PDB file of N, CA and C in Angstrom:
ATOM      1  N   MET A   1       0.738  -1.071  -0.072  1.00  0.00           N
ATOM      2  CA  MET A   1       0.171  -0.087  -0.388  1.00  0.00           C
ATOM      3  C   MET A   1       0.692   1.108  -0.233  1.00  0.00           C
ATOM      4  N   PRO A   2       0.391   2.152  -1.080  1.00  0.00           N
ATOM      5  CA  PRO A   2       0.985   3.682  -0.994  1.00  0.00           C
ATOM      6  C   PRO A   2       1.490   4.266   0.448  1.00  0.00           C
ATOM      7  N   MET A   3       2.334   4.546   0.766  1.00  0.00           N
ATOM      8  CA  MET A   3       2.567   5.605   1.877  1.00  0.00           C
ATOM      9  C   MET A   3       1.580   6.264   2.165  1.00  0.00           C
ATOM     10  N   GLY A   4       1.062   7.310   1.353  1.00  0.00           N
ATOM     11  CA  GLY A   4      -0.078   8.267   1.055  1.00  0.00           C
ATOM     12  C   GLY A   4      -1.433   7.886   1.772  1.00  0.00           C
ATOM     13  N   ILE A   5      -1.770   6.741   1.116  1.00  0.00           N
ATOM     14  CA  ILE A   5      -3.012   6.106   0.962  1.00  0.00           C
ATOM     15  C   ILE A   5      -2.582   5.702   3.054  1.00  0.00           C
ATOM     16  N   SER A   6      -1.586   4.593   3.347  1.00  0.00           N
ATOM     17  CA  SER A   6      -1.674   4.523   4.501  1.00  0.00           C
ATOM     18  C   SER A   6      -2.117   5.634   5.278  1.00  0.00           C
ATOM     19  N   ILE A   7      -1.055   6.632   5.337  1.00  0.00           N
ATOM     20  CA  ILE A   7      -1.351   8.018   6.279  1.00  0.00           C
ATOM     21  C   ILE A   7      -2.756   8.636   6.506  1.00  0.00           C
ATOM     22  N   ALA A   8      -3.676   8.579   4.930  1.00  0.00           N
ATOM     23  CA  ALA A   8      -4.975   9.052   5.093  1.00  0.00           C
ATOM     24  C   ALA A   8      -5.804   8.065   5.815  1.00  0.00           C
ATOM     25  N   LEU A   9      -5.371   6.535   5.574  1.00  0.00           N
ATOM     26  CA  LEU A   9      -5.995   5.741   6.327  1.00  0.00           C
ATOM     27  C   LEU A   9      -6.177   5.699   7.958  1.00  0.00           C
ATOM     28  N   ASN A  10      -4.784   6.313   8.203  1.00  0.00           N
ATOM     29  CA  ASN A  10      -4.628   6.634   9.780  1.00  0.00           C
ATOM     30  C   ASN A  10      -5.273   7.553  10.233  1.00  0.00           C
ATOM     31  N   ILE A  11      -5.300   8.588   9.556  1.00  0.00           N
ATOM     32  CA  ILE A  11      -6.051   9.904  10.002  1.00  0.00           C
ATOM     33  C   ILE A  11      -7.342   9.534  10.158  1.00  0.00           C
ATOM     34  N   ILE A  12      -8.220   8.820   8.779  1.00  0.00           N
ATOM     35  CA  ILE A  12      -9.426   8.898   9.091  1.00  0.00           C
ATOM     36  C   ILE A  12     -10.093   7.851  10.069  1.00  0.00           C
ATOM     37  N   SER A  13      -9.376   7.211  10.336  1.00  0.00           N
ATOM     38  CA  SER A  13      -9.384   5.831  11.691  1.00  0.00           C
ATOM     39  C   SER A  13      -9.502   7.100  12.872  1.00  0.00           C
ATOM     40  N   ALA A  14      -8.792   7.721  13.246  1.00  0.00           N
ATOM     41  CA  ALA A  14      -8.611   8.653  14.074  1.00  0.00           C
ATOM     42  C   ALA A  14      -9.361   9.609  14.462  1.00  0.00           C
ATOM     43  N   PHE A  15      -9.939   9.979  13.408  1.00  0.00           N
ATOM     44  CA  PHE A  15     -11.330  10.593  13.517  1.00  0.00           C
ATOM     45  C   PHE A  15     -12.995   9.757  13.678  1.00  0.00           C
ATOM     46  N   ILE A  16     -12.804   8.638  13.203  1.00  0.00           N
ATOM     47  CA  ILE A  16     -13.438   7.541  13.487  1.00  0.00           C
ATOM     48  C   ILE A  16     -13.596   7.106  15.204  1.00  0.00           C
ATOM     49  N   GLY A  17     -12.528   6.987  15.371  1.00  0.00           N
ATOM     50  CA  GLY A  17     -12.058   6.971  17.024  1.00  0.00           C
ATOM     51  C   GLY A  17     -13.055   8.202  17.922  1.00  0.00           C
ATOM     52  N   ILE A  18     -12.258   8.501  17.577  1.00  0.00           N
ATOM     53  CA  ILE A  18     -12.897  10.436  18.208  1.00  0.00           C
ATOM     54  C   ILE A  18     -14.205  10.662  18.104  1.00  0.00           C
ATOM     55  N   ALA A  19     -14.859  10.065  16.969  1.00  0.00           N
ATOM     56  CA  ALA A  19     -16.203  10.353  17.441  1.00  0.00           C
ATOM     57  C   ALA A  19     -17.102   9.085  17.692  1.00  0.00           C
ATOM     58  N   PHE A  20     -16.262   8.022  17.432  1.00  0.00           N
ATOM     59  CA  PHE A  20     -16.853   6.472  18.535  1.00  0.00           C
ATOM     60  C   PHE A  20     -17.033   6.969  19.948  1.00  0.00           C
ATOM     61  N   PHE A  21     -15.862   7.587  20.942  1.00  0.00           N
ATOM     62  CA  PHE A  21     -15.765   7.835  22.025  1.00  0.00           C
ATOM     63  C   PHE A  21     -16.756   8.949  22.318  1.00  0.00           C
ATOM     64  N   ALA A  22     -16.993  10.098  21.466  1.00  0.00           N
ATOM     65  CA  ALA A  22     -17.826  11.062  21.908  1.00  0.00           C
ATOM     66  C   ALA A  22     -19.451  10.408  21.663  1.00  0.00           C
ATOM     67  N   SER A  23     -19.405   9.786  21.217  1.00  0.00           N
ATOM     68  CA  SER A  23     -20.806   9.270  21.134  1.00  0.00           C
ATOM     69  C   SER A  23     -21.106   8.345  22.180  1.00  0.00           C
ATOM     70  N   LEU A  24     -20.169   7.257  22.142  1.00  0.00           N
ATOM     71  CA  LEU A  24     -19.917   6.541  23.760  1.00  0.00           C
ATOM     72  C   LEU A  24     -20.418   7.463  24.885  1.00  0.00           C
ATOM     73  N   ILE A  25     -19.755   8.645  24.816  1.00  0.00           N
ATOM     74  CA  ILE A  25     -19.961   9.271  26.254  1.00  0.00           C
ATOM     75  C   ILE A  25     -21.037   9.856  26.187  1.00  0.00           C
ATOM     76  N   THR A  26     -22.034  10.180  25.220  1.00  0.00           N
ATOM     77  CA  THR A  26     -23.174  10.905  25.218  1.00  0.00           C
ATOM     78  C   THR A  26     -24.237  10.213  25.413  1.00  0.00           C
ATOM     79  N   ALA A  27     -23.800   8.471  24.598  1.00  0.00           N
ATOM     80  CA  ALA A  27     -24.874   7.250  25.522  1.00  0.00           C
ATOM     81  C   ALA A  27     -24.968   7.009  26.758  1.00  0.00           C
ATOM     82  N   ILE A  28     -23.698   7.350  27.337  1.00  0.00           N
ATOM     83  CA  ILE A  28     -23.319   7.026  28.667  1.00  0.00           C
ATOM     84  C   ILE A  28     -24.265   8.034  29.701  1.00  0.00           C
ATOM     85  N   ASN A  29     -23.598   9.515  29.799  1.00  0.00           N
ATOM     86  CA  ASN A  29     -24.075  10.694  30.318  1.00  0.00           C
ATOM     87  C   ASN A  29     -24.340  11.710  29.644  1.00  0.00           C
ATOM     88  N   PRO A  30     -25.816  11.759  29.141  1.00  0.00           N
ATOM     89  CA  PRO A  30     -26.242  12.907  27.667  1.00  0.00           C
ATOM     90  C   PRO A  30     -26.341  14.384  28.738  1.00  0.00           C
ATOM     91  N   ARG A  31     -26.506  14.409  29.751  1.00  0.00           N
ATOM     92  CA  ARG A  31     -26.634  15.597  30.756  1.00  0.00           C
ATOM     93  C   ARG A  31     -25.564  16.158  30.872  1.00  0.00           C
ATOM     94  N   TRP A  32     -24.154  15.485  30.698  1.00  0.00           N
ATOM     95  CA  TRP A  32     -22.841  15.982  31.214  1.00  0.00           C
ATOM     96  C   TRP A  32     -22.422  16.884  29.860  1.00  0.00           C
ATOM     97  N   THR A  33     -23.007  15.774  28.772  1.00  0.00           N
ATOM     98  CA  THR A  33     -22.459  16.391  27.359  1.00  0.00           C
ATOM     99  C   THR A  33     -23.149  17.871  27.021  1.00  0.00           C
ATOM    100  N   TRP A  34     -24.555  17.902  27.528  1.00  0.00           N
ATOM    101  CA  TRP A  34     -25.283  18.891  26.896  1.00  0.00           C
ATOM    102  C   TRP A  34     -24.640  20.307  27.841  1.00  0.00           C
ATOM    103  N   ARG A  35     -24.536  19.739  29.392  1.00  0.00           N
ATOM    104  CA  ARG A  35     -24.046  20.885  30.293  1.00  0.00           C
ATOM    105  C   ARG A  35     -22.672  21.402  29.547  1.00  0.00           C
ATOM    106  N   THR A  36     -21.747  20.388  29.070  1.00  0.00           N
ATOM    107  CA  THR A  36     -20.115  20.753  28.826  1.00  0.00           C
ATOM    108  C   THR A  36     -20.556  22.008  26.925  1.00  0.00           C
ATOM    109  N   PHE A  37     -21.075  21.362  26.242  1.00  0.00           N
ATOM    110  CA  PHE A  37     -21.174  21.755  25.189  1.00  0.00           C
ATOM    111  C   PHE A  37     -22.814  23.043  24.423  1.00  0.00           C
ATOM    112  N   GLU A  38     -23.666  22.264  25.205  1.00  0.00           N
ATOM    113  CA  GLU A  38     -24.629  23.215  24.611  1.00  0.00           C
ATOM    114  C   GLU A  38     -25.757  24.309  25.894  1.00  0.00           C
ATOM    115  N   LYS A  39     -24.866  24.178  27.261  1.00  0.00           N
ATOM    116  CA  LYS A  39     -25.801  24.740  27.887  1.00  0.00           C
ATOM    117  C   LYS A  39     -25.906  25.946  27.861  1.00  0.00           C
ATOM    118  N   TRP A  40     -25.042  26.948  27.290  1.00  0.00           N
ATOM    119  CA  TRP A  40     -24.416  28.278  27.227  1.00  0.00           C
ATOM    120  C   TRP A  40     -25.494  28.940  25.683  1.00  0.00           C
ATOM    121  N   LYS A  41     -25.920  27.696  25.074  1.00  0.00           N
ATOM    122  CA  LYS A  41     -26.974  28.364  24.148  1.00  0.00           C
ATOM    123  C   LYS A  41     -28.461  28.535  24.724  1.00  0.00           C
ATOM    124  N   ALA A  42     -28.703  27.637  26.110  1.00  0.00           N
ATOM    125  CA  ALA A  42     -30.046  27.126  26.206  1.00  0.00           C
ATOM    126  C   ALA A  42     -30.512  28.724  27.830  1.00  0.00           C
ATOM    127  N   THR A  43     -31.612  28.567  27.899  1.00  0.00           N
ATOM    128  CA  THR A  43     -32.342  29.746  28.859  1.00  0.00           C
ATOM    129  C   THR A  43     -32.876  28.424  30.104  1.00  0.00           C
ATOM    130  N   GLU A  44     -33.206  27.455  30.063  1.00  0.00           N
ATOM    131  CA  GLU A  44     -33.644  26.129  30.885  1.00  0.00           C
ATOM    132  C   GLU A  44     -32.988  24.913  30.535  1.00  0.00           C
ATOM    133  N   GLU A  45     -32.991  23.964  31.237  1.00  0.00           N
ATOM    134  CA  GLU A  45     -32.653  22.911  31.237  1.00  0.00           C
ATOM    135  C   GLU A  45     -33.586  22.123  30.130  1.00  0.00           C
ATOM    136  N   PRO A  46     -33.364  21.091  29.224  1.00  0.00           N
ATOM    137  CA  PRO A  46     -34.590  20.657  28.348  1.00  0.00           C
ATOM    138  C   PRO A  46     -35.044  19.410  29.374  1.00  0.00           C
ATOM    139  N   THR A  47     -36.135  19.050  28.462  1.00  0.00           N
ATOM    140  CA  THR A  47     -36.573  17.822  29.506  1.00  0.00           C
ATOM    141  C   THR A  47     -35.941  16.797  29.439  1.00  0.00           C
ATOM    142  N   ASP A  48     -36.547  15.568  29.991  1.00  0.00           N
ATOM    143  CA  ASP A  48     -36.083  14.165  30.081  1.00  0.00           C
ATOM    144  C   ASP A  48     -36.426  13.469  28.745  1.00  0.00           C
ATOM    145  N   ALA A  49     -37.361  13.819  28.277  1.00  0.00           N
ATOM    146  CA  ALA A  49     -37.181  13.073  26.831  1.00  0.00           C
ATOM    147  C   ALA A  49     -36.042  13.670  26.041  1.00  0.00           C
ATOM    148  N   TYR A  50     -35.848  14.534  25.709  1.00  0.00           N
ATOM    149  CA  TYR A  50     -34.441  15.395  25.199  1.00  0.00           C
ATOM    150  C   TYR A  50     -33.465  14.329  25.233  1.00  0.00           C
ATOM    151  N   PHE A  51     -33.000  14.205  26.730  1.00  0.00           N
ATOM    152  CA  PHE A  51     -31.855  13.244  27.238  1.00  0.00           C
ATOM    153  C   PHE A  51     -32.376  11.687  27.008  1.00  0.00           C
ATOM    154  N   LYS A  52     -33.021  11.185  26.987  1.00  0.00           N
ATOM    155  CA  LYS A  52     -33.132   9.877  26.438  1.00  0.00           C
ATOM    156  C   LYS A  52     -33.422   9.794  25.076  1.00  0.00           C
ATOM    157  N   VAL A  53     -33.334  10.650  24.217  1.00  0.00           N
ATOM    158  CA  VAL A  53     -33.642  10.961  22.705  1.00  0.00           C
ATOM    159  C   VAL A  53     -31.942  10.893  22.492  1.00  0.00           C
ATOM    160  N   ARG A  54     -31.230  11.906  23.283  1.00  0.00           N
ATOM    161  CA  ARG A  54     -29.679  11.965  23.088  1.00  0.00           C
ATOM    162  C   ARG A  54     -28.978  10.378  23.793  1.00  0.00           C
ATOM    163  N   ARG A  55     -29.558   9.864  24.581  1.00  0.00           N
ATOM    164  CA  ARG A  55     -28.883   8.649  25.022  1.00  0.00           C
ATOM    165  C   ARG A  55     -29.095   7.706  23.618  1.00  0.00           C
ATOM    166  N   ILE A  56     -30.042   8.044  23.276  1.00  0.00           N
ATOM    167  CA  ILE A  56     -30.497   6.684  21.794  1.00  0.00           C
ATOM    168  C   ILE A  56     -30.171   6.774  20.892  1.00  0.00           C
ATOM    169  N   VAL A  57     -29.809   8.266  20.412  1.00  0.00           N
ATOM    170  CA  VAL A  57     -29.071   8.362  19.479  1.00  0.00           C
ATOM    171  C   VAL A  57     -27.385   8.306  19.365  1.00  0.00           C
ATOM    172  N   GLY A  58     -27.032   8.662  20.828  1.00  0.00           N
ATOM    173  CA  GLY A  58     -25.399   8.484  21.234  1.00  0.00           C
ATOM    174  C   GLY A  58     -25.103   7.037  21.284  1.00  0.00           C
ATOM    175  N   LEU A  59     -26.170   5.955  21.106  1.00  0.00           N
ATOM    176  CA  LEU A  59     -25.800   4.281  21.451  1.00  0.00           C
ATOM    177  C   LEU A  59     -25.876   3.853  19.770  1.00  0.00           C
ATOM    178  N   VAL A  60     -27.005   4.610  18.955  1.00  0.00           N
ATOM    179  CA  VAL A  60     -27.052   4.241  17.847  1.00  0.00           C
ATOM    180  C   VAL A  60     -25.461   4.670  16.766  1.00  0.00           C
ATOM    181  N   PHE A  61     -25.453   5.746  17.440  1.00  0.00           N
ATOM    182  CA  PHE A  61     -24.091   6.336  16.812  1.00  0.00           C
ATOM    183  C   PHE A  61     -22.793   5.413  16.874  1.00  0.00           C
ATOM    184  N   ALA A  62     -22.582   4.743  18.486  1.00  0.00           N
ATOM    185  CA  ALA A  62     -21.324   4.609  18.885  1.00  0.00           C
ATOM    186  C   ALA A  62     -21.497   2.848  18.162  1.00  0.00           C
ATOM    187  N   ILE A  63     -22.342   2.385  17.774  1.00  0.00           N
ATOM    188  CA  ILE A  63     -22.637   1.386  17.034  1.00  0.00           C
ATOM    189  C   ILE A  63     -22.058   1.163  16.054  1.00  0.00           C
ATOM    190  N   ILE A  64     -22.880   2.576  15.361  1.00  0.00           N
ATOM    191  CA  ILE A  64     -22.443   2.171  13.780  1.00  0.00           C
ATOM    192  C   ILE A  64     -20.705   2.899  13.747  1.00  0.00           C
ATOM    193  N   THR A  65     -20.170   3.703  14.351  1.00  0.00           N
ATOM    194  CA  THR A  65     -19.079   4.334  14.058  1.00  0.00           C
ATOM    195  C   THR A  65     -17.686   3.124  14.994  1.00  0.00           C
ATOM    196  N   GLY A  66     -17.968   2.327  16.051  1.00  0.00           N
ATOM    197  CA  GLY A  66     -17.568   0.810  16.331  1.00  0.00           C
ATOM    198  C   GLY A  66     -17.612   0.168  15.305  1.00  0.00           C
ATOM    199  N   ALA A  67     -18.874  -0.222  14.587  1.00  0.00           N
ATOM    200  CA  ALA A  67     -18.847  -1.520  13.235  1.00  0.00           C
ATOM    201  C   ALA A  67     -17.812  -0.717  11.934  1.00  0.00           C
ATOM    202  N   ILE A  68     -17.843   0.822  11.849  1.00  0.00           N
ATOM    203  CA  ILE A  68     -17.122   1.187  10.780  1.00  0.00           C
ATOM    204  C   ILE A  68     -15.419   0.954  11.219  1.00  0.00           C
ATOM    205  N   TRP A  69     -15.148   1.178  12.534  1.00  0.00           N
ATOM    206  CA  TRP A  69     -13.808   1.452  13.346  1.00  0.00           C
ATOM    207  C   TRP A  69     -13.383   0.238  12.735  1.00  0.00           C
ATOM    208  N   ALA A  70     -14.562  -1.180  13.462  1.00  0.00           N
ATOM    209  CA  ALA A  70     -13.693  -2.802  13.231  1.00  0.00           C
ATOM    210  C   ALA A  70     -13.402  -3.552  12.153  1.00  0.00           C
ATOM    211  N   VAL A  71     -14.121  -2.687  10.632  1.00  0.00           N
ATOM    212  CA  VAL A  71     -13.966  -3.317   9.343  1.00  0.00           C
ATOM    213  C   VAL A  71     -12.892  -3.690   9.156  1.00  0.00           C
ATOM    214  N   PRO A  72     -11.539  -2.750   9.381  1.00  0.00           N
ATOM    215  CA  PRO A  72     -10.078  -3.134   8.789  1.00  0.00           C
ATOM    216  C   PRO A  72      -9.494  -4.280   9.305  1.00  0.00           C
ATOM    217  N   THR A  73     -10.160  -4.363  10.653  1.00  0.00           N
ATOM    218  CA  THR A  73      -9.154  -5.444  11.427  1.00  0.00           C
ATOM    219  C   THR A  73     -10.072  -6.753  11.194  1.00  0.00           C
ATOM    220  N   VAL A  74     -11.368  -7.137  10.940  1.00  0.00           N
ATOM    221  CA  VAL A  74     -12.389  -7.795  10.348  1.00  0.00           C
ATOM    222  C   VAL A  74     -11.871  -8.159   9.302  1.00  0.00           C
ATOM    223  N   VAL A  75     -11.939  -7.553   8.335  1.00  0.00           N
ATOM    224  CA  VAL A  75     -11.173  -7.737   6.703  1.00  0.00           C
ATOM    225  C   VAL A  75      -9.842  -8.575   6.967  1.00  0.00           C
ATOM    226  N   SER A  76      -9.132  -8.018   7.636  1.00  0.00           N
ATOM    227  CA  SER A  76      -7.450  -8.334   7.945  1.00  0.00           C
ATOM    228  C   SER A  76      -7.740  -9.940   8.311  1.00  0.00           C
ATOM    229  N   TRP A  77      -8.256 -10.494   9.267  1.00  0.00           N
ATOM    230  CA  TRP A  77      -8.810 -11.749   9.518  1.00  0.00           C
ATOM    231  C   TRP A  77      -9.149 -12.847   8.401  1.00  0.00           C
ATOM    232  N   PHE A  78      -9.578 -12.093   7.374  1.00  0.00           N
ATOM    233  CA  PHE A  78      -9.914 -13.194   6.179  1.00  0.00           C
ATOM    234  C   PHE A  78      -8.793 -13.237   4.819  1.00  0.00           C
TER     235      PHE A  78
END
């Protein structure tokens, strides 16, 4: 594999890893991520339904990005 492609794939893998861990943190503690990143925009705290949806979306994105992140490893086994 050419060196440029290898470097590009490593950079893409790093971004996917960051997205995976960010979505995992959102799935685990959506209130903390809201307070950290979005509280400055709000006048009051959102409802519990908002945080439940954020948790579900975080879990879905964690599953998707985890699967994408694992594809090179799984493909190399075959």
